[in-house]
Amino acid sequence: MNKLLIALIGSWTLIATLPAVAGPDWQIIEQARKAKQSAPSERTSGTAATSGTGAQRMCPAEPLVLGLDHGPRATSTPQLNQQRRERYEAQMKACQGQAK
């Protein structure tokens, strides 16, 4: 009984590890490579039409994230958070002004 149990567990382990040992999926790799090669040509054609406006470079790409300003593990202060918030709002106003 003990040898049967060991054989079953060993075979299940082998079956479970086969997909990891099977190797790379070349079809997905080729699709990603083709998409990566075609992406720069699309970017250059898109920027040629909008190169006159600097709004794309000035607009913040990410939302405002403030550090924790209270508690025993505070990473910021309320004053620094207020300064960051004001700076972010000024960037957003300047970005909206450039877009118009």
PDB file of N, CA and C in Angstrom:
ATOM      1  N   MET A   1       0.818  -1.199   0.000  1.00  0.00           N
ATOM      2  CA  MET A   1       0.000   0.000   0.000  1.00  0.00           C
ATOM      3  C   MET A   1       0.866   1.268   0.000  1.00  0.00           C
ATOM      4  N   ASN A   2       1.943   1.227   0.786  1.00  0.00           N
ATOM      5  CA  ASN A   2       2.816   2.386   0.889  1.00  0.00           C
ATOM      6  C   ASN A   2       3.507   2.667  -0.453  1.00  0.00           C
ATOM      7  N   LYS A   3       3.958   1.613  -1.151  1.00  0.00           N
ATOM      8  CA  LYS A   3       4.622   1.798  -2.432  1.00  0.00           C
ATOM      9  C   LYS A   3       3.650   2.316  -3.488  1.00  0.00           C
ATOM     10  N   LEU A   4       2.407   1.873  -3.419  1.00  0.00           N
ATOM     11  CA  LEU A   4       1.388   2.360  -4.351  1.00  0.00           C
ATOM     12  C   LEU A   4       1.137   3.856  -4.136  1.00  0.00           C
ATOM     13  N   LEU A   5       1.051   4.255  -2.876  1.00  0.00           N
ATOM     14  CA  LEU A   5       0.826   5.664  -2.561  1.00  0.00           C
ATOM     15  C   LEU A   5       1.992   6.521  -3.056  1.00  0.00           C
ATOM     16  N   ILE A   6       3.215   6.065  -2.849  1.00  0.00           N
ATOM     17  CA  ILE A   6       4.382   6.812  -3.313  1.00  0.00           C
ATOM     18  C   ILE A   6       4.387   6.900  -4.835  1.00  0.00           C
ATOM     19  N   ALA A   7       4.025   5.828  -5.512  1.00  0.00           N
ATOM     20  CA  ALA A   7       3.985   5.837  -6.974  1.00  0.00           C
ATOM     21  C   ALA A   7       2.913   6.800  -7.487  1.00  0.00           C
ATOM     22  N   LEU A   8       1.750   6.824  -6.848  1.00  0.00           N
ATOM     23  CA  LEU A   8       0.685   7.743  -7.263  1.00  0.00           C
ATOM     24  C   LEU A   8       1.087   9.196  -7.047  1.00  0.00           C
ATOM     25  N   ILE A   9       1.663   9.495  -5.911  1.00  0.00           N
ATOM     26  CA  ILE A   9       2.082  10.877  -5.641  1.00  0.00           C
ATOM     27  C   ILE A   9       3.175  11.296  -6.613  1.00  0.00           C
ATOM     28  N   GLY A  10       4.107  10.400  -6.910  1.00  0.00           N
ATOM     29  CA  GLY A  10       5.160  10.709  -7.875  1.00  0.00           C
ATOM     30  C   GLY A  10       4.618  10.961  -9.267  1.00  0.00           C
ATOM     31  N   SER A  11       3.650  10.155  -9.687  1.00  0.00           N
ATOM     32  CA  SER A  11       3.078  10.353 -11.026  1.00  0.00           C
ATOM     33  C   SER A  11       2.263  11.640 -11.094  1.00  0.00           C
ATOM     34  N   TRP A  12       1.538  11.964 -10.040  1.00  0.00           N
ATOM     35  CA  TRP A  12       0.779  13.223 -10.026  1.00  0.00           C
ATOM     36  C   TRP A  12       1.725  14.427 -10.076  1.00  0.00           C
ATOM     37  N   THR A  13       2.831  14.316  -9.354  1.00  0.00           N
ATOM     38  CA  THR A  13       3.815  15.403  -9.368  1.00  0.00           C
ATOM     39  C   THR A  13       4.405  15.570 -10.760  1.00  0.00           C
ATOM     40  N   LEU A  14       4.721  14.451 -11.397  1.00  0.00           N
ATOM     41  CA  LEU A  14       5.271  14.515 -12.749  1.00  0.00           C
ATOM     42  C   LEU A  14       4.275  15.117 -13.728  1.00  0.00           C
ATOM     43  N   ILE A  15       3.023  14.721 -13.626  1.00  0.00           N
ATOM     44  CA  ILE A  15       1.980  15.259 -14.509  1.00  0.00           C
ATOM     45  C   ILE A  15       1.783  16.755 -14.265  1.00  0.00           C
ATOM     46  N   ALA A  16       1.865  17.173 -13.013  1.00  0.00           N
ATOM     47  CA  ALA A  16       1.662  18.589 -12.686  1.00  0.00           C
ATOM     48  C   ALA A  16       2.814  19.451 -13.193  1.00  0.00           C
ATOM     49  N   THR A  17       4.027  18.886 -13.269  1.00  0.00           N
ATOM     50  CA  THR A  17       5.177  19.687 -13.693  1.00  0.00           C
ATOM     51  C   THR A  17       5.411  19.654 -15.196  1.00  0.00           C
ATOM     52  N   LEU A  18       4.721  18.835 -15.934  1.00  0.00           N
ATOM     53  CA  LEU A  18       4.934  18.759 -17.381  1.00  0.00           C
ATOM     54  C   LEU A  18       4.692  20.082 -18.110  1.00  0.00           C
ATOM     55  N   PRO A  19       3.641  20.841 -17.819  1.00  0.00           N
ATOM     56  CA  PRO A  19       3.478  22.112 -18.538  1.00  0.00           C
ATOM     57  C   PRO A  19       4.625  23.099 -18.299  1.00  0.00           C
ATOM     58  N   ALA A  20       5.239  23.042 -17.133  1.00  0.00           N
ATOM     59  CA  ALA A  20       6.349  23.950 -16.849  1.00  0.00           C
ATOM     60  C   ALA A  20       7.608  23.549 -17.606  1.00  0.00           C
ATOM     61  N   VAL A  21       7.758  22.276 -17.924  1.00  0.00           N
ATOM     62  CA  VAL A  21       8.940  21.779 -18.591  1.00  0.00           C
ATOM     63  C   VAL A  21       8.734  21.704 -20.101  1.00  0.00           C
ATOM     64  N   ALA A  22       7.526  21.939 -20.545  1.00  0.00           N
ATOM     65  CA  ALA A  22       7.185  21.737 -21.956  1.00  0.00           C
ATOM     66  C   ALA A  22       7.946  22.682 -22.881  1.00  0.00           C
ATOM     67  N   GLY A  23       8.303  23.862 -22.421  1.00  0.00           N
ATOM     68  CA  GLY A  23       9.042  24.790 -23.262  1.00  0.00           C
ATOM     69  C   GLY A  23       8.219  26.020 -23.575  1.00  0.00           C
ATOM     70  N   PRO A  24       8.838  26.977 -24.259  1.00  0.00           N
ATOM     71  CA  PRO A  24       8.153  28.235 -24.548  1.00  0.00           C
ATOM     72  C   PRO A  24       7.092  28.069 -25.638  1.00  0.00           C
ATOM     73  N   ASP A  25       6.110  28.938 -25.597  1.00  0.00           N
ATOM     74  CA  ASP A  25       5.071  28.955 -26.614  1.00  0.00           C
ATOM     75  C   ASP A  25       5.523  29.918 -27.711  1.00  0.00           C
ATOM     76  N   TRP A  26       6.074  29.364 -28.777  1.00  0.00           N
ATOM     77  CA  TRP A  26       6.691  30.178 -29.820  1.00  0.00           C
ATOM     78  C   TRP A  26       5.689  31.047 -30.555  1.00  0.00           C
ATOM     79  N   GLN A  27       4.455  30.605 -30.651  1.00  0.00           N
ATOM     80  CA  GLN A  27       3.446  31.397 -31.354  1.00  0.00           C
ATOM     81  C   GLN A  27       3.170  32.708 -30.610  1.00  0.00           C
ATOM     82  N   ILE A  28       3.052  32.648 -29.299  1.00  0.00           N
ATOM     83  CA  ILE A  28       2.809  33.859 -28.505  1.00  0.00           C
ATOM     84  C   ILE A  28       4.033  34.772 -28.550  1.00  0.00           C
ATOM     85  N   ILE A  29       5.216  34.186 -28.519  1.00  0.00           N
ATOM     86  CA  ILE A  29       6.437  34.988 -28.569  1.00  0.00           C
ATOM     87  C   ILE A  29       6.535  35.734 -29.899  1.00  0.00           C
ATOM     88  N   GLU A  30       6.208  35.084 -30.984  1.00  0.00           N
ATOM     89  CA  GLU A  30       6.256  35.729 -32.301  1.00  0.00           C
ATOM     90  C   GLU A  30       5.211  36.837 -32.419  1.00  0.00           C
ATOM     91  N   GLN A  31       4.014  36.612 -31.876  1.00  0.00           N
ATOM     92  CA  GLN A  31       2.987  37.658 -31.909  1.00  0.00           C
ATOM     93  C   GLN A  31       3.436  38.882 -31.123  1.00  0.00           C
ATOM     94  N   ALA A  32       4.046  38.671 -29.969  1.00  0.00           N
ATOM     95  CA  ALA A  32       4.528  39.796 -29.166  1.00  0.00           C
ATOM     96  C   ALA A  32       5.645  40.543 -29.879  1.00  0.00           C
ATOM     97  N   ARG A  33       6.524  39.805 -30.542  1.00  0.00           N
ATOM     98  CA  ARG A  33       7.623  40.447 -31.268  1.00  0.00           C
ATOM     99  C   ARG A  33       7.099  41.297 -32.421  1.00  0.00           C
ATOM    100  N   LYS A  34       6.121  40.779 -33.161  1.00  0.00           N
ATOM    101  CA  LYS A  34       5.541  41.538 -34.264  1.00  0.00           C
ATOM    102  C   LYS A  34       4.809  42.774 -33.759  1.00  0.00           C
ATOM    103  N   ALA A  35       4.102  42.635 -32.634  1.00  0.00           N
ATOM    104  CA  ALA A  35       3.399  43.788 -32.065  1.00  0.00           C
ATOM    105  C   ALA A  35       4.391  44.844 -31.600  1.00  0.00           C
ATOM    106  N   LYS A  36       5.507  44.412 -31.054  1.00  0.00           N
ATOM    107  CA  LYS A  36       6.518  45.353 -30.586  1.00  0.00           C
ATOM    108  C   LYS A  36       7.179  46.071 -31.750  1.00  0.00           C
ATOM    109  N   GLN A  37       7.383  45.375 -32.860  1.00  0.00           N
ATOM    110  CA  GLN A  37       7.989  46.013 -34.015  1.00  0.00           C
ATOM    111  C   GLN A  37       7.037  46.998 -34.685  1.00  0.00           C
ATOM    112  N   SER A  38       5.759  46.697 -34.691  1.00  0.00           N
ATOM    113  CA  SER A  38       4.809  47.590 -35.345  1.00  0.00           C
ATOM    114  C   SER A  38       4.460  48.791 -34.467  1.00  0.00           C
ATOM    115  N   ALA A  39       4.656  48.700 -33.171  1.00  0.00           N
ATOM    116  CA  ALA A  39       4.303  49.790 -32.265  1.00  0.00           C
ATOM    117  C   ALA A  39       5.109  51.060 -32.513  1.00  0.00           C
ATOM    118  N   PRO A  40       6.434  51.034 -32.718  1.00  0.00           N
ATOM    119  CA  PRO A  40       7.153  52.292 -32.944  1.00  0.00           C
ATOM    120  C   PRO A  40       6.714  53.020 -34.210  1.00  0.00           C
ATOM    121  N   SER A  41       6.366  52.287 -35.261  1.00  0.00           N
ATOM    122  CA  SER A  41       5.942  52.964 -36.480  1.00  0.00           C
ATOM    123  C   SER A  41       4.599  53.656 -36.278  1.00  0.00           C
ATOM    124  N   GLU A  42       3.723  53.069 -35.465  1.00  0.00           N
ATOM    125  CA  GLU A  42       2.451  53.730 -35.172  1.00  0.00           C
ATOM    126  C   GLU A  42       2.669  54.956 -34.307  1.00  0.00           C
ATOM    127  N   ARG A  43       3.618  54.882 -33.369  1.00  0.00           N
ATOM    128  CA  ARG A  43       3.887  56.032 -32.510  1.00  0.00           C
ATOM    129  C   ARG A  43       4.458  57.195 -33.301  1.00  0.00           C
ATOM    130  N   THR A  44       5.345  56.923 -34.229  1.00  0.00           N
ATOM    131  CA  THR A  44       5.943  58.019 -34.989  1.00  0.00           C
ATOM    132  C   THR A  44       4.923  58.669 -35.904  1.00  0.00           C
ATOM    133  N   SER A  45       4.018  57.892 -36.480  1.00  0.00           N
ATOM    134  CA  SER A  45       3.002  58.499 -37.337  1.00  0.00           C
ATOM    135  C   SER A  45       2.009  59.302 -36.514  1.00  0.00           C
ATOM    136  N   GLY A  46       1.751  58.879 -35.273  1.00  0.00           N
ATOM    137  CA  GLY A  46       0.820  59.605 -34.416  1.00  0.00           C
ATOM    138  C   GLY A  46       1.406  60.887 -33.882  1.00  0.00           C
ATOM    139  N   THR A  47       2.702  60.922 -33.601  1.00  0.00           N
ATOM    140  CA  THR A  47       3.308  62.123 -33.047  1.00  0.00           C
ATOM    141  C   THR A  47       3.563  63.174 -34.111  1.00  0.00           C
ATOM    142  N   ALA A  48       3.636  62.793 -35.365  1.00  0.00           N
ATOM    143  CA  ALA A  48       3.874  63.777 -36.409  1.00  0.00           C
ATOM    144  C   ALA A  48       2.681  64.714 -36.542  1.00  0.00           C
ATOM    145  N   ALA A  49       1.486  64.182 -36.330  1.00  0.00           N
ATOM    146  CA  ALA A  49       0.291  65.007 -36.456  1.00  0.00           C
ATOM    147  C   ALA A  49       0.098  65.907 -35.243  1.00  0.00           C
ATOM    148  N   THR A  50       0.582  65.491 -34.070  1.00  0.00           N
ATOM    149  CA  THR A  50       0.355  66.266 -32.855  1.00  0.00           C
ATOM    150  C   THR A  50       1.634  66.901 -32.328  1.00  0.00           C
ATOM    151  N   SER A  51       2.658  67.028 -33.153  1.00  0.00           N
ATOM    152  CA  SER A  51       3.922  67.569 -32.668  1.00  0.00           C
ATOM    153  C   SER A  51       3.820  69.066 -32.367  1.00  0.00           C
ATOM    154  N   GLY A  52       2.822  69.740 -32.867  1.00  0.00           N
ATOM    155  CA  GLY A  52       2.682  71.171 -32.623  1.00  0.00           C
ATOM    156  C   GLY A  52       2.226  71.493 -31.225  1.00  0.00           C
ATOM    157  N   THR A  53       1.545  70.590 -30.548  1.00  0.00           N
ATOM    158  CA  THR A  53       1.059  70.855 -29.203  1.00  0.00           C
ATOM    159  C   THR A  53       1.948  70.173 -28.196  1.00  0.00           C
ATOM    160  N   GLY A  54       2.269  70.857 -27.128  1.00  0.00           N
ATOM    161  CA  GLY A  54       3.082  70.287 -26.063  1.00  0.00           C
ATOM    162  C   GLY A  54       2.242  69.774 -24.926  1.00  0.00           C
ATOM    163  N   ALA A  55       0.946  69.682 -25.101  1.00  0.00           N
ATOM    164  CA  ALA A  55       0.059  69.257 -24.014  1.00  0.00           C
ATOM    165  C   ALA A  55       0.287  67.808 -23.633  1.00  0.00           C
ATOM    166  N   GLN A  56       0.663  66.973 -24.571  1.00  0.00           N
ATOM    167  CA  GLN A  56       0.859  65.569 -24.254  1.00  0.00           C
ATOM    168  C   GLN A  56       2.057  65.387 -23.322  1.00  0.00           C
ATOM    169  N   ARG A  57       3.097  66.182 -23.497  1.00  0.00           N
ATOM    170  CA  ARG A  57       4.272  66.044 -22.653  1.00  0.00           C
ATOM    171  C   ARG A  57       4.047  66.659 -21.279  1.00  0.00           C
ATOM    172  N   MET A  58       3.225  67.687 -21.190  1.00  0.00           N
ATOM    173  CA  MET A  58       3.050  68.398 -19.952  1.00  0.00           C
ATOM    174  C   MET A  58       2.036  67.749 -19.027  1.00  0.00           C
ATOM    175  N   CYS A  59       1.063  67.063 -19.568  1.00  0.00           N
ATOM    176  CA  CYS A  59       0.011  66.450 -18.754  1.00  0.00           C
ATOM    177  C   CYS A  59       0.568  65.296 -17.938  1.00  0.00           C
ATOM    178  N   PRO A  60       0.234  65.251 -16.641  1.00  0.00           N
ATOM    179  CA  PRO A  60       0.685  64.119 -15.838  1.00  0.00           C
ATOM    180  C   PRO A  60      -0.041  62.849 -16.273  1.00  0.00           C
ATOM    181  N   ALA A  61       0.722  61.790 -16.459  1.00  0.00           N
ATOM    182  CA  ALA A  61       0.157  60.535 -16.933  1.00  0.00           C
ATOM    183  C   ALA A  61      -0.493  59.751 -15.802  1.00  0.00           C
ATOM    184  N   GLU A  62      -0.095  60.003 -14.571  1.00  0.00           N
ATOM    185  CA  GLU A  62      -0.590  59.222 -13.450  1.00  0.00           C
ATOM    186  C   GLU A  62      -1.401  60.110 -12.512  1.00  0.00           C
ATOM    187  N   PRO A  63      -2.332  59.516 -11.788  1.00  0.00           N
ATOM    188  CA  PRO A  63      -3.099  60.298 -10.825  1.00  0.00           C
ATOM    189  C   PRO A  63      -2.239  60.678  -9.623  1.00  0.00           C
ATOM    190  N   LEU A  64      -2.714  61.627  -8.869  1.00  0.00           N
ATOM    191  CA  LEU A  64      -2.003  62.099  -7.691  1.00  0.00           C
ATOM    192  C   LEU A  64      -2.026  61.032  -6.604  1.00  0.00           C
ATOM    193  N   VAL A  65      -0.851  60.710  -6.055  1.00  0.00           N
ATOM    194  CA  VAL A  65      -0.729  59.757  -4.961  1.00  0.00           C
ATOM    195  C   VAL A  65       0.013  60.456  -3.836  1.00  0.00           C
ATOM    196  N   LEU A  66      -0.636  60.548  -2.697  1.00  0.00           N
ATOM    197  CA  LEU A  66      -0.049  61.222  -1.552  1.00  0.00           C
ATOM    198  C   LEU A  66       0.452  60.210  -0.542  1.00  0.00           C
ATOM    199  N   GLY A  67       1.552  60.559   0.141  1.00  0.00           N
ATOM    200  CA  GLY A  67       2.095  59.689   1.170  1.00  0.00           C
ATOM    201  C   GLY A  67       1.253  59.736   2.437  1.00  0.00           C
ATOM    202  N   LEU A  68       1.406  58.713   3.254  1.00  0.00           N
ATOM    203  CA  LEU A  68       0.687  58.630   4.516  1.00  0.00           C
ATOM    204  C   LEU A  68       1.228  59.700   5.450  1.00  0.00           C
ATOM    205  N   ASP A  69       0.352  60.593   5.929  1.00  0.00           N
ATOM    206  CA  ASP A  69       0.824  61.705   6.739  1.00  0.00           C
ATOM    207  C   ASP A  69       0.394  61.606   8.197  1.00  0.00           C
ATOM    208  N   HIS A  70       0.032  60.425   8.650  1.00  0.00           N
ATOM    209  CA  HIS A  70      -0.337  60.251  10.045  1.00  0.00           C
ATOM    210  C   HIS A  70       0.009  58.826  10.477  1.00  0.00           C
ATOM    211  N   GLY A  71       0.069  58.612  11.767  1.00  0.00           N
ATOM    212  CA  GLY A  71       0.337  57.282  12.289  1.00  0.00           C
ATOM    213  C   GLY A  71       1.806  57.067  12.593  1.00  0.00           C
ATOM    214  N   PRO A  72       2.118  55.895  13.132  1.00  0.00           N
ATOM    215  CA  PRO A  72       3.494  55.635  13.548  1.00  0.00           C
ATOM    216  C   PRO A  72       4.466  55.448  12.384  1.00  0.00           C
ATOM    217  N   ARG A  73       3.982  55.107  11.204  1.00  0.00           N
ATOM    218  CA  ARG A  73       4.868  54.899  10.050  1.00  0.00           C
ATOM    219  C   ARG A  73       4.568  55.909   8.939  1.00  0.00           C
ATOM    220  N   ALA A  74       4.427  57.127   9.310  1.00  0.00           N
ATOM    221  CA  ALA A  74       4.113  58.170   8.338  1.00  0.00           C
ATOM    222  C   ALA A  74       5.293  58.371   7.392  1.00  0.00           C
ATOM    223  N   THR A  75       4.990  58.488   6.107  1.00  0.00           N
ATOM    224  CA  THR A  75       6.038  58.692   5.106  1.00  0.00           C
ATOM    225  C   THR A  75       6.077  60.128   4.612  1.00  0.00           C
ATOM    226  N   SER A  76       5.169  60.954   5.080  1.00  0.00           N
ATOM    227  CA  SER A  76       5.097  62.331   4.622  1.00  0.00           C
ATOM    228  C   SER A  76       4.521  63.179   5.747  1.00  0.00           C
ATOM    229  N   THR A  77       4.394  64.468   5.468  1.00  0.00           N
ATOM    230  CA  THR A  77       3.756  65.373   6.419  1.00  0.00           C
ATOM    231  C   THR A  77       2.553  66.012   5.733  1.00  0.00           C
ATOM    232  N   PRO A  78       1.609  66.528   6.508  1.00  0.00           N
ATOM    233  CA  PRO A  78       0.463  67.199   5.881  1.00  0.00           C
ATOM    234  C   PRO A  78       0.878  68.381   5.010  1.00  0.00           C
ATOM    235  N   GLN A  79       1.928  69.084   5.409  1.00  0.00           N
ATOM    236  CA  GLN A  79       2.386  70.234   4.632  1.00  0.00           C
ATOM    237  C   GLN A  79       2.933  69.778   3.275  1.00  0.00           C
ATOM    238  N   LEU A  80       3.728  68.709   3.257  1.00  0.00           N
ATOM    239  CA  LEU A  80       4.248  68.205   1.988  1.00  0.00           C
ATOM    240  C   LEU A  80       3.114  67.705   1.090  1.00  0.00           C
ATOM    241  N   ASN A  81       2.128  67.050   1.677  1.00  0.00           N
ATOM    242  CA  ASN A  81       0.986  66.590   0.884  1.00  0.00           C
ATOM    243  C   ASN A  81       0.221  67.761   0.281  1.00  0.00           C
ATOM    244  N   GLN A  82       0.078  68.840   1.039  1.00  0.00           N
ATOM    245  CA  GLN A  82      -0.609  70.022   0.524  1.00  0.00           C
ATOM    246  C   GLN A  82       0.174  70.634  -0.629  1.00  0.00           C
ATOM    247  N   GLN A  83       1.498  70.700  -0.499  1.00  0.00           N
ATOM    248  CA  GLN A  83       2.328  71.235  -1.582  1.00  0.00           C
ATOM    249  C   GLN A  83       2.229  70.363  -2.833  1.00  0.00           C
ATOM    250  N   ARG A  84       2.240  69.046  -2.651  1.00  0.00           N
ATOM    251  CA  ARG A  84       2.104  68.142  -3.792  1.00  0.00           C
ATOM    252  C   ARG A  84       0.751  68.305  -4.468  1.00  0.00           C
ATOM    253  N   ARG A  85      -0.300  68.439  -3.653  1.00  0.00           N
ATOM    254  CA  ARG A  85      -1.643  68.608  -4.195  1.00  0.00           C
ATOM    255  C   ARG A  85      -1.738  69.906  -5.002  1.00  0.00           C
ATOM    256  N   GLU A  86      -1.180  71.003  -4.470  1.00  0.00           N
ATOM    257  CA  GLU A  86      -1.210  72.281  -5.183  1.00  0.00           C
ATOM    258  C   GLU A  86      -0.405  72.208  -6.488  1.00  0.00           C
ATOM    259  N   ARG A  87       0.760  71.570  -6.443  1.00  0.00           N
ATOM    260  CA  ARG A  87       1.581  71.425  -7.646  1.00  0.00           C
ATOM    261  C   ARG A  87       0.853  70.603  -8.709  1.00  0.00           C
ATOM    262  N   TYR A  88       0.184  69.529  -8.277  1.00  0.00           N
ATOM    263  CA  TYR A  88      -0.552  68.680  -9.211  1.00  0.00           C
ATOM    264  C   TYR A  88      -1.723  69.458  -9.836  1.00  0.00           C
ATOM    265  N   GLU A  89      -2.448  70.222  -9.026  1.00  0.00           N
ATOM    266  CA  GLU A  89      -3.558  71.021  -9.555  1.00  0.00           C
ATOM    267  C   GLU A  89      -3.056  72.077 -10.539  1.00  0.00           C
ATOM    268  N   ALA A  90      -1.897  72.672 -10.248  1.00  0.00           N
ATOM    269  CA  ALA A  90      -1.330  73.664 -11.168  1.00  0.00           C
ATOM    270  C   ALA A  90      -0.952  72.994 -12.496  1.00  0.00           C
ATOM    271  N   GLN A  91      -0.384  71.783 -12.435  1.00  0.00           N
ATOM    272  CA  GLN A  91      -0.059  71.062 -13.672  1.00  0.00           C
ATOM    273  C   GLN A  91      -1.307  70.742 -14.467  1.00  0.00           C
ATOM    274  N   MET A  92      -2.354  70.350 -13.782  1.00  0.00           N
ATOM    275  CA  MET A  92      -3.602  70.006 -14.479  1.00  0.00           C
ATOM    276  C   MET A  92      -4.212  71.248 -15.124  1.00  0.00           C
ATOM    277  N   LYS A  93      -4.183  72.379 -14.445  1.00  0.00           N
ATOM    278  CA  LYS A  93      -4.708  73.617 -15.045  1.00  0.00           C
ATOM    279  C   LYS A  93      -3.886  74.040 -16.243  1.00  0.00           C
ATOM    280  N   ALA A  94      -2.566  73.923 -16.136  1.00  0.00           N
ATOM    281  CA  ALA A  94      -1.696  74.284 -17.260  1.00  0.00           C
ATOM    282  C   ALA A  94      -1.928  73.329 -18.427  1.00  0.00           C
ATOM    283  N   CYS A  95      -2.153  72.084 -18.135  1.00  0.00           N
ATOM    284  CA  CYS A  95      -2.396  71.103 -19.180  1.00  0.00           C
ATOM    285  C   CYS A  95      -3.728  71.395 -19.884  1.00  0.00           C
ATOM    286  N   GLN A  96      -4.736  71.712 -19.124  1.00  0.00           N
ATOM    287  CA  GLN A  96      -6.028  72.023 -19.717  1.00  0.00           C
ATOM    288  C   GLN A  96      -5.958  73.308 -20.516  1.00  0.00           C
ATOM    289  N   GLY A  97      -5.155  74.266 -20.053  1.00  0.00           N
ATOM    290  CA  GLY A  97      -4.975  75.512 -20.795  1.00  0.00           C
ATOM    291  C   GLY A  97      -4.248  75.294 -22.112  1.00  0.00           C
ATOM    292  N   GLN A  98      -3.284  74.392 -22.133  1.00  0.00           N
ATOM    293  CA  GLN A  98      -2.540  74.074 -23.360  1.00  0.00           C
ATOM    294  C   GLN A  98      -3.403  73.317 -24.352  1.00  0.00           C
ATOM    295  N   ALA A  99      -4.304  72.487 -23.848  1.00  0.00           N
ATOM    296  CA  ALA A  99      -5.135  71.652 -24.718  1.00  0.00           C
ATOM    297  C   ALA A  99      -6.158  72.510 -25.479  1.00  0.00           C
ATOM    298  N   LYS A 100      -6.519  73.650 -24.927  1.00  0.00           N
ATOM    299  CA  LYS A 100      -7.540  74.484 -25.578  1.00  0.00           C
ATOM    300  C   LYS A 100      -6.992  75.279 -26.701  1.00  0.00           C
TER     301      LYS A 100
END
